N, C-alpha and C. Protein backbone atom coordinates (compact mmCIF):
# COMPACT_ATOMS: atom_id res chain seq x y z
N MET A 1 -10.66 3.71 -0.70
CA MET A 1 -10.08 2.50 -1.67
C MET A 1 -11.37 1.42 -1.44
N ASP A 2 -11.37 1.00 -2.80
CA ASP A 2 -12.67 -0.34 -2.70
C ASP A 2 -11.70 -1.63 -2.60
N PHE A 3 -11.80 -2.09 -1.43
CA PHE A 3 -11.09 -3.27 -1.13
C PHE A 3 -11.38 -4.52 -1.89
N ILE A 4 -12.66 -4.66 -2.27
CA ILE A 4 -13.27 -5.75 -2.94
C ILE A 4 -12.92 -5.82 -4.32
N ASN A 5 -12.89 -4.55 -5.02
CA ASN A 5 -12.48 -4.46 -6.36
C ASN A 5 -10.95 -4.71 -6.48
N LEU A 6 -10.08 -4.24 -5.53
CA LEU A 6 -8.72 -4.59 -5.34
C LEU A 6 -8.54 -5.94 -5.28
N ALA A 7 -9.09 -6.68 -4.52
CA ALA A 7 -8.93 -7.93 -4.21
C ALA A 7 -9.36 -8.87 -5.62
N GLU A 8 -10.42 -8.41 -6.25
CA GLU A 8 -10.87 -9.11 -7.51
C GLU A 8 -9.79 -8.82 -8.77
N GLN A 9 -9.41 -7.56 -8.84
CA GLN A 9 -8.32 -7.52 -9.84
C GLN A 9 -6.91 -8.06 -9.36
N SER A 10 -6.55 -8.01 -8.31
CA SER A 10 -5.37 -8.76 -7.86
C SER A 10 -5.43 -10.25 -8.07
N SER A 11 -6.67 -10.71 -7.68
CA SER A 11 -6.95 -12.34 -7.67
C SER A 11 -6.82 -12.60 -9.20
N GLU A 12 -7.63 -11.94 -10.14
CA GLU A 12 -7.59 -12.41 -11.58
C GLU A 12 -6.20 -12.33 -12.00
N GLN A 13 -5.32 -11.29 -11.71
CA GLN A 13 -4.06 -11.29 -12.18
C GLN A 13 -3.20 -12.41 -11.67
N PHE A 14 -3.35 -12.74 -10.37
CA PHE A 14 -2.63 -13.65 -9.80
C PHE A 14 -3.02 -15.14 -10.37
N ILE A 15 -4.26 -15.36 -10.46
CA ILE A 15 -4.61 -16.70 -11.09
C ILE A 15 -4.06 -16.82 -12.21
N LYS A 16 -4.04 -16.06 -13.16
CA LYS A 16 -3.52 -16.01 -14.58
C LYS A 16 -1.86 -16.32 -14.39
N LEU A 17 -1.17 -15.58 -13.66
CA LEU A 17 0.07 -15.67 -13.58
C LEU A 17 0.63 -17.13 -12.87
N PHE A 18 -0.11 -17.42 -11.87
CA PHE A 18 0.04 -18.68 -11.13
C PHE A 18 -0.03 -19.97 -11.96
N TYR A 19 -1.23 -20.00 -12.57
CA TYR A 19 -1.49 -21.28 -13.38
C TYR A 19 -0.75 -21.36 -14.53
N GLN A 20 -0.38 -20.18 -15.22
CA GLN A 20 0.51 -20.18 -16.56
C GLN A 20 1.77 -20.72 -16.00
N ASN A 21 2.36 -20.08 -15.04
CA ASN A 21 3.80 -20.60 -14.53
C ASN A 21 3.76 -22.03 -14.06
N TYR A 22 2.56 -22.50 -13.41
CA TYR A 22 2.54 -23.88 -13.00
C TYR A 22 2.69 -24.85 -14.27
N ASP A 23 1.95 -24.45 -15.26
CA ASP A 23 1.92 -25.31 -16.40
C ASP A 23 3.16 -25.20 -17.39
N THR A 24 3.78 -24.08 -17.31
CA THR A 24 4.99 -23.89 -18.31
C THR A 24 6.18 -23.53 -17.63
N GLN A 25 6.31 -22.92 -16.53
CA GLN A 25 7.69 -22.59 -15.91
C GLN A 25 7.51 -22.78 -14.37
N ARG A 26 7.13 -23.95 -13.91
CA ARG A 26 6.99 -24.41 -12.74
C ARG A 26 7.90 -23.93 -11.60
N ASN A 27 9.33 -23.97 -12.08
CA ASN A 27 10.34 -23.63 -11.32
C ASN A 27 10.34 -22.38 -10.78
N LEU A 28 9.43 -21.43 -11.28
CA LEU A 28 9.49 -19.97 -10.95
C LEU A 28 8.42 -19.78 -9.81
N LEU A 29 7.55 -20.80 -9.51
CA LEU A 29 6.61 -20.82 -8.48
C LEU A 29 6.99 -20.43 -7.11
N GLY A 30 8.39 -21.00 -6.81
CA GLY A 30 8.95 -20.81 -5.42
C GLY A 30 9.06 -19.37 -5.12
N ASN A 31 9.17 -18.52 -6.08
CA ASN A 31 9.32 -17.07 -5.79
C ASN A 31 7.98 -16.42 -5.13
N LEU A 32 6.89 -17.17 -5.32
CA LEU A 32 5.65 -16.72 -4.75
C LEU A 32 5.36 -17.02 -3.45
N TYR A 33 6.39 -17.98 -2.76
CA TYR A 33 6.02 -18.50 -1.42
C TYR A 33 7.30 -17.76 -0.67
N ARG A 34 6.99 -18.05 0.76
CA ARG A 34 8.02 -17.83 1.69
C ARG A 34 8.51 -19.02 2.30
N GLU A 35 9.61 -19.01 3.23
CA GLU A 35 10.08 -20.05 3.88
C GLU A 35 8.92 -20.61 4.76
N ASP A 36 8.15 -19.83 5.45
CA ASP A 36 7.20 -20.21 6.41
C ASP A 36 5.84 -20.44 5.87
N SER A 37 5.74 -20.33 4.56
CA SER A 37 4.21 -20.56 3.90
C SER A 37 3.77 -21.85 4.25
N ALA A 38 2.50 -22.00 4.45
CA ALA A 38 1.86 -23.28 4.76
C ALA A 38 1.30 -23.82 3.51
N VAL A 39 2.04 -25.04 3.07
CA VAL A 39 1.36 -25.71 1.88
C VAL A 39 0.99 -27.11 2.21
N VAL A 40 -0.32 -27.41 1.69
CA VAL A 40 -0.78 -28.91 1.94
C VAL A 40 -1.21 -29.26 0.56
N TRP A 41 -0.79 -30.27 -0.06
CA TRP A 41 -1.28 -30.91 -1.14
C TRP A 41 -1.91 -32.26 -1.07
N ASN A 42 -3.16 -32.31 -1.36
CA ASN A 42 -3.93 -33.56 -1.19
C ASN A 42 -3.60 -34.20 0.17
N GLY A 43 -3.61 -33.39 1.20
CA GLY A 43 -3.60 -33.75 2.69
C GLY A 43 -2.09 -34.02 3.05
N ASN A 44 -1.27 -33.73 2.17
CA ASN A 44 0.31 -33.90 2.63
C ASN A 44 1.01 -32.53 2.75
N ALA A 45 1.40 -32.23 3.94
CA ALA A 45 2.00 -31.07 4.32
C ALA A 45 3.27 -30.90 3.62
N ILE A 46 3.59 -29.79 3.18
CA ILE A 46 5.08 -29.40 2.61
C ILE A 46 5.59 -28.37 3.47
N SER A 47 6.74 -28.59 3.75
CA SER A 47 7.36 -27.61 4.72
C SER A 47 8.83 -27.15 4.21
N GLY A 48 8.60 -25.75 4.10
CA GLY A 48 9.82 -24.97 3.47
C GLY A 48 9.99 -24.97 1.96
N LEU A 49 10.78 -23.92 1.49
CA LEU A 49 10.89 -23.72 0.07
C LEU A 49 11.67 -24.90 -0.71
N GLN A 50 12.76 -25.41 0.10
CA GLN A 50 13.36 -26.47 -0.54
C GLN A 50 12.49 -27.76 -0.77
N GLN A 51 11.64 -28.15 0.17
CA GLN A 51 10.79 -29.19 0.01
C GLN A 51 9.70 -28.94 -1.00
N LEU A 52 9.38 -27.78 -1.15
CA LEU A 52 8.29 -27.20 -2.05
C LEU A 52 8.85 -27.56 -3.45
N SER A 53 10.18 -26.91 -3.58
CA SER A 53 10.64 -26.96 -4.91
C SER A 53 10.87 -28.42 -5.37
N GLU A 54 11.41 -29.24 -4.45
CA GLU A 54 11.58 -30.82 -4.75
C GLU A 54 10.19 -31.29 -5.23
N PHE A 55 9.30 -31.04 -4.44
CA PHE A 55 7.93 -31.76 -4.77
C PHE A 55 7.44 -31.34 -6.08
N LEU A 56 7.49 -29.87 -6.38
CA LEU A 56 6.96 -29.38 -7.50
C LEU A 56 7.71 -30.06 -8.90
N SER A 57 8.97 -30.22 -8.62
CA SER A 57 9.79 -30.87 -9.69
C SER A 57 9.53 -32.41 -10.04
N ARG A 58 8.93 -32.91 -8.99
CA ARG A 58 8.51 -34.39 -9.21
C ARG A 58 7.06 -34.37 -9.78
N LEU A 59 6.37 -33.66 -10.00
CA LEU A 59 4.97 -33.51 -10.54
C LEU A 59 5.23 -33.68 -12.16
N PRO A 60 4.26 -34.40 -12.71
CA PRO A 60 4.30 -34.56 -14.18
C PRO A 60 3.87 -33.05 -14.91
N ALA A 61 4.28 -33.01 -16.13
CA ALA A 61 3.71 -31.76 -16.75
C ALA A 61 2.14 -31.64 -16.67
N SER A 62 1.72 -30.29 -16.54
CA SER A 62 0.21 -30.15 -16.29
C SER A 62 -0.44 -29.21 -17.13
N GLN A 63 -1.65 -29.27 -17.16
CA GLN A 63 -2.50 -28.25 -18.00
C GLN A 63 -3.68 -28.08 -17.15
N HIS A 64 -3.72 -26.83 -16.61
CA HIS A 64 -4.96 -26.37 -15.72
C HIS A 64 -5.98 -25.67 -16.51
N GLU A 65 -7.21 -25.94 -16.28
CA GLU A 65 -8.24 -25.24 -16.72
C GLU A 65 -9.19 -24.64 -15.62
N ILE A 66 -9.42 -23.44 -15.47
CA ILE A 66 -9.96 -22.78 -14.22
C ILE A 66 -11.40 -22.66 -14.69
N ILE A 67 -12.27 -23.20 -13.93
CA ILE A 67 -13.73 -23.00 -14.13
C ILE A 67 -14.33 -21.82 -13.38
N ALA A 68 -14.07 -21.74 -12.15
CA ALA A 68 -14.32 -20.49 -11.44
C ALA A 68 -13.54 -20.23 -10.34
N TYR A 69 -13.60 -18.97 -9.78
CA TYR A 69 -12.87 -18.67 -8.65
C TYR A 69 -13.54 -17.52 -7.73
N ASP A 70 -13.46 -17.47 -6.54
CA ASP A 70 -14.16 -16.51 -5.67
C ASP A 70 -12.96 -15.91 -4.89
N CYS A 71 -13.10 -14.59 -4.39
CA CYS A 71 -11.99 -14.03 -3.62
C CYS A 71 -12.61 -13.16 -2.63
N GLN A 72 -12.10 -12.83 -1.69
CA GLN A 72 -12.41 -11.76 -0.71
C GLN A 72 -11.12 -11.19 0.05
N PRO A 73 -11.23 -9.92 0.32
CA PRO A 73 -10.06 -9.22 1.15
C PRO A 73 -10.23 -9.73 2.48
N ILE A 74 -9.08 -9.65 3.24
CA ILE A 74 -8.93 -10.14 4.60
C ILE A 74 -8.64 -8.85 5.31
N ALA A 75 -9.67 -8.05 5.68
CA ALA A 75 -9.63 -6.63 6.27
C ALA A 75 -8.61 -6.66 7.50
N ALA A 76 -8.69 -7.79 8.29
CA ALA A 76 -7.89 -7.73 9.46
C ALA A 76 -6.28 -7.84 9.10
N THR A 77 -5.93 -8.03 7.90
CA THR A 77 -4.54 -8.11 7.77
C THR A 77 -3.89 -6.80 7.07
N MET A 78 -4.78 -5.76 7.10
CA MET A 78 -4.51 -4.50 6.57
C MET A 78 -3.02 -4.02 6.98
N ASN A 79 -2.18 -3.73 5.85
CA ASN A 79 -0.84 -3.33 6.30
C ASN A 79 -0.64 -1.72 6.44
N THR A 80 0.48 -1.10 6.61
CA THR A 80 0.62 0.21 6.73
C THR A 80 0.34 1.11 5.33
N GLN A 81 0.35 0.31 4.26
CA GLN A 81 0.11 0.88 3.08
C GLN A 81 -1.31 0.76 2.69
N GLY A 82 -2.15 0.35 3.56
CA GLY A 82 -3.67 0.22 3.22
C GLY A 82 -3.98 -1.00 2.23
N VAL A 83 -2.99 -1.97 2.11
CA VAL A 83 -3.36 -3.14 1.38
C VAL A 83 -3.54 -4.32 2.41
N CYS A 84 -4.39 -5.19 2.02
CA CYS A 84 -4.69 -6.35 2.84
C CYS A 84 -4.63 -7.62 2.14
N GLY A 85 -4.57 -8.77 2.92
CA GLY A 85 -4.49 -10.01 2.31
C GLY A 85 -5.74 -10.48 1.62
N ILE A 86 -5.61 -11.51 0.79
CA ILE A 86 -6.73 -11.90 -0.14
C ILE A 86 -6.86 -13.36 0.02
N LEU A 87 -8.14 -13.95 0.34
CA LEU A 87 -8.44 -15.27 0.22
C LEU A 87 -9.12 -15.71 -1.15
N ILE A 88 -8.46 -16.64 -1.82
CA ILE A 88 -8.86 -16.99 -3.24
C ILE A 88 -9.26 -18.53 -3.11
N ASN A 89 -10.33 -18.67 -3.65
CA ASN A 89 -10.93 -20.11 -3.81
C ASN A 89 -11.12 -20.51 -5.29
N VAL A 90 -10.40 -21.63 -5.79
CA VAL A 90 -10.32 -21.81 -7.14
C VAL A 90 -10.83 -23.24 -7.46
N HIS A 91 -11.71 -23.41 -8.44
CA HIS A 91 -12.08 -24.55 -8.84
C HIS A 91 -11.70 -24.89 -10.34
N GLY A 92 -11.28 -26.07 -10.82
CA GLY A 92 -11.02 -26.25 -12.05
C GLY A 92 -10.61 -27.78 -12.34
N TYR A 93 -10.09 -28.01 -13.52
CA TYR A 93 -9.71 -29.24 -13.96
C TYR A 93 -8.00 -29.31 -14.28
N VAL A 94 -7.41 -30.39 -13.92
CA VAL A 94 -6.03 -30.40 -14.28
C VAL A 94 -5.74 -31.81 -14.95
N LYS A 95 -4.94 -31.58 -16.04
CA LYS A 95 -4.42 -32.89 -16.71
C LYS A 95 -2.98 -33.06 -16.61
N TYR A 96 -2.64 -34.32 -16.12
CA TYR A 96 -1.10 -34.56 -15.84
C TYR A 96 -0.64 -35.50 -17.04
N GLY A 97 0.64 -34.94 -17.55
CA GLY A 97 1.31 -35.82 -18.46
C GLY A 97 0.56 -36.03 -19.71
N ASP A 98 0.59 -37.35 -20.15
CA ASP A 98 0.08 -37.85 -21.23
C ASP A 98 -1.44 -38.46 -20.84
N SER A 99 -1.75 -38.38 -19.56
CA SER A 99 -2.92 -39.09 -19.12
C SER A 99 -4.15 -38.33 -20.14
N PRO A 100 -5.16 -39.32 -20.56
CA PRO A 100 -6.18 -38.81 -21.26
C PRO A 100 -7.09 -38.18 -20.59
N GLY A 101 -7.26 -38.21 -19.25
CA GLY A 101 -8.47 -37.59 -18.39
C GLY A 101 -8.08 -36.64 -17.73
N LYS A 102 -9.02 -35.79 -17.39
CA LYS A 102 -8.71 -34.51 -16.40
C LYS A 102 -9.32 -34.76 -15.03
N LYS A 103 -8.55 -34.33 -14.03
CA LYS A 103 -9.23 -34.38 -12.51
C LYS A 103 -9.64 -33.07 -12.18
N SER A 104 -10.77 -33.30 -11.43
CA SER A 104 -11.32 -31.99 -10.81
C SER A 104 -10.29 -31.56 -9.67
N PHE A 105 -10.26 -30.34 -9.34
CA PHE A 105 -9.46 -29.86 -8.10
C PHE A 105 -10.08 -28.58 -7.53
N SER A 106 -9.77 -28.45 -6.34
CA SER A 106 -10.15 -27.22 -5.52
C SER A 106 -8.83 -26.80 -4.92
N GLN A 107 -8.60 -25.35 -5.04
CA GLN A 107 -7.29 -24.88 -4.32
C GLN A 107 -7.81 -23.61 -3.45
N THR A 108 -7.20 -23.58 -2.34
CA THR A 108 -7.52 -22.28 -1.60
C THR A 108 -6.11 -21.65 -1.14
N ILE A 109 -6.07 -20.39 -1.60
CA ILE A 109 -4.76 -19.85 -1.51
C ILE A 109 -4.99 -18.45 -0.60
N THR A 110 -4.17 -18.18 0.36
CA THR A 110 -4.27 -16.87 1.00
C THR A 110 -3.00 -16.04 0.57
N LEU A 111 -3.19 -14.88 -0.03
CA LEU A 111 -2.13 -14.08 -0.49
C LEU A 111 -2.02 -12.99 0.58
N MET A 112 -0.79 -12.66 0.94
CA MET A 112 -0.57 -11.43 1.81
C MET A 112 0.42 -10.44 1.11
N PRO A 113 0.07 -9.12 1.56
CA PRO A 113 0.84 -8.11 0.77
C PRO A 113 2.33 -8.14 1.26
N VAL A 114 3.26 -7.88 0.22
CA VAL A 114 4.68 -7.71 0.63
C VAL A 114 4.88 -6.35 1.13
N GLU A 115 5.30 -6.13 2.40
CA GLU A 115 5.42 -4.86 2.93
C GLU A 115 6.31 -4.00 2.32
N GLY A 116 5.80 -2.67 1.93
CA GLY A 116 6.74 -1.73 1.19
C GLY A 116 6.67 -2.00 -0.31
N GLN A 117 5.79 -2.86 -0.70
CA GLN A 117 5.88 -3.17 -2.26
C GLN A 117 4.43 -2.88 -2.80
N GLY A 118 3.66 -2.09 -2.36
CA GLY A 118 2.30 -1.83 -2.93
C GLY A 118 1.39 -3.07 -2.99
N THR A 119 0.99 -3.33 -4.22
CA THR A 119 0.05 -4.44 -4.23
C THR A 119 0.78 -5.68 -4.71
N ASN A 120 1.96 -6.09 -4.40
CA ASN A 120 2.65 -7.29 -4.60
C ASN A 120 2.34 -8.18 -3.49
N TYR A 121 2.15 -9.39 -3.76
CA TYR A 121 1.75 -10.35 -2.69
C TYR A 121 2.66 -11.68 -2.75
N PHE A 122 2.55 -12.42 -1.73
CA PHE A 122 3.22 -13.60 -1.57
C PHE A 122 2.13 -14.81 -1.07
N ILE A 123 2.39 -16.00 -1.37
CA ILE A 123 1.43 -16.84 -0.83
C ILE A 123 1.83 -17.35 0.69
N GLN A 124 0.78 -17.09 1.50
CA GLN A 124 1.05 -17.45 2.96
C GLN A 124 0.51 -18.75 3.13
N SER A 125 -0.54 -19.13 2.48
CA SER A 125 -0.98 -20.56 2.62
C SER A 125 -1.55 -21.01 1.19
N ASP A 126 -1.60 -22.37 1.01
CA ASP A 126 -1.98 -22.92 -0.17
C ASP A 126 -2.39 -24.35 0.16
N ILE A 127 -3.60 -24.55 -0.14
CA ILE A 127 -4.26 -25.88 -0.04
C ILE A 127 -4.85 -26.40 -1.20
N PHE A 128 -4.24 -27.56 -1.73
CA PHE A 128 -4.79 -28.00 -2.97
C PHE A 128 -5.38 -29.39 -2.72
N ARG A 129 -6.48 -29.75 -3.43
CA ARG A 129 -7.18 -31.10 -3.32
C ARG A 129 -7.75 -31.48 -4.63
N HIS A 130 -7.55 -32.70 -4.93
CA HIS A 130 -8.15 -33.31 -6.07
C HIS A 130 -9.71 -33.62 -5.52
N VAL A 131 -10.63 -33.28 -6.25
CA VAL A 131 -12.00 -33.71 -5.65
C VAL A 131 -12.87 -34.55 -6.73
């Protein structure tokens, strides 16, 4: 199996799903995380699904524009099904609410495979930063 191609395909699908839901159905994002997922947003740690849900609900409406992303498989995380985690780095712009300007952002996400579910992933860590 070509792990690089699988990581690229999975990352492309994930990025489309993640940012589309972030901008239109943010309440669904919690399904992509686990209780022990590590989340840092602009230097502020968010602990647990409840705190993440509350935080996301306080953010204004958003529109993300993805400029570029890179990904790579994390071979050391290979599970019994032969699927491994993926490190994704995203760069883009985000517009909040009625603000006329866009802000540049960088986001690094580590996806881990859900055991027993083929190529389904959850977010193990998520680091977002306006740059």
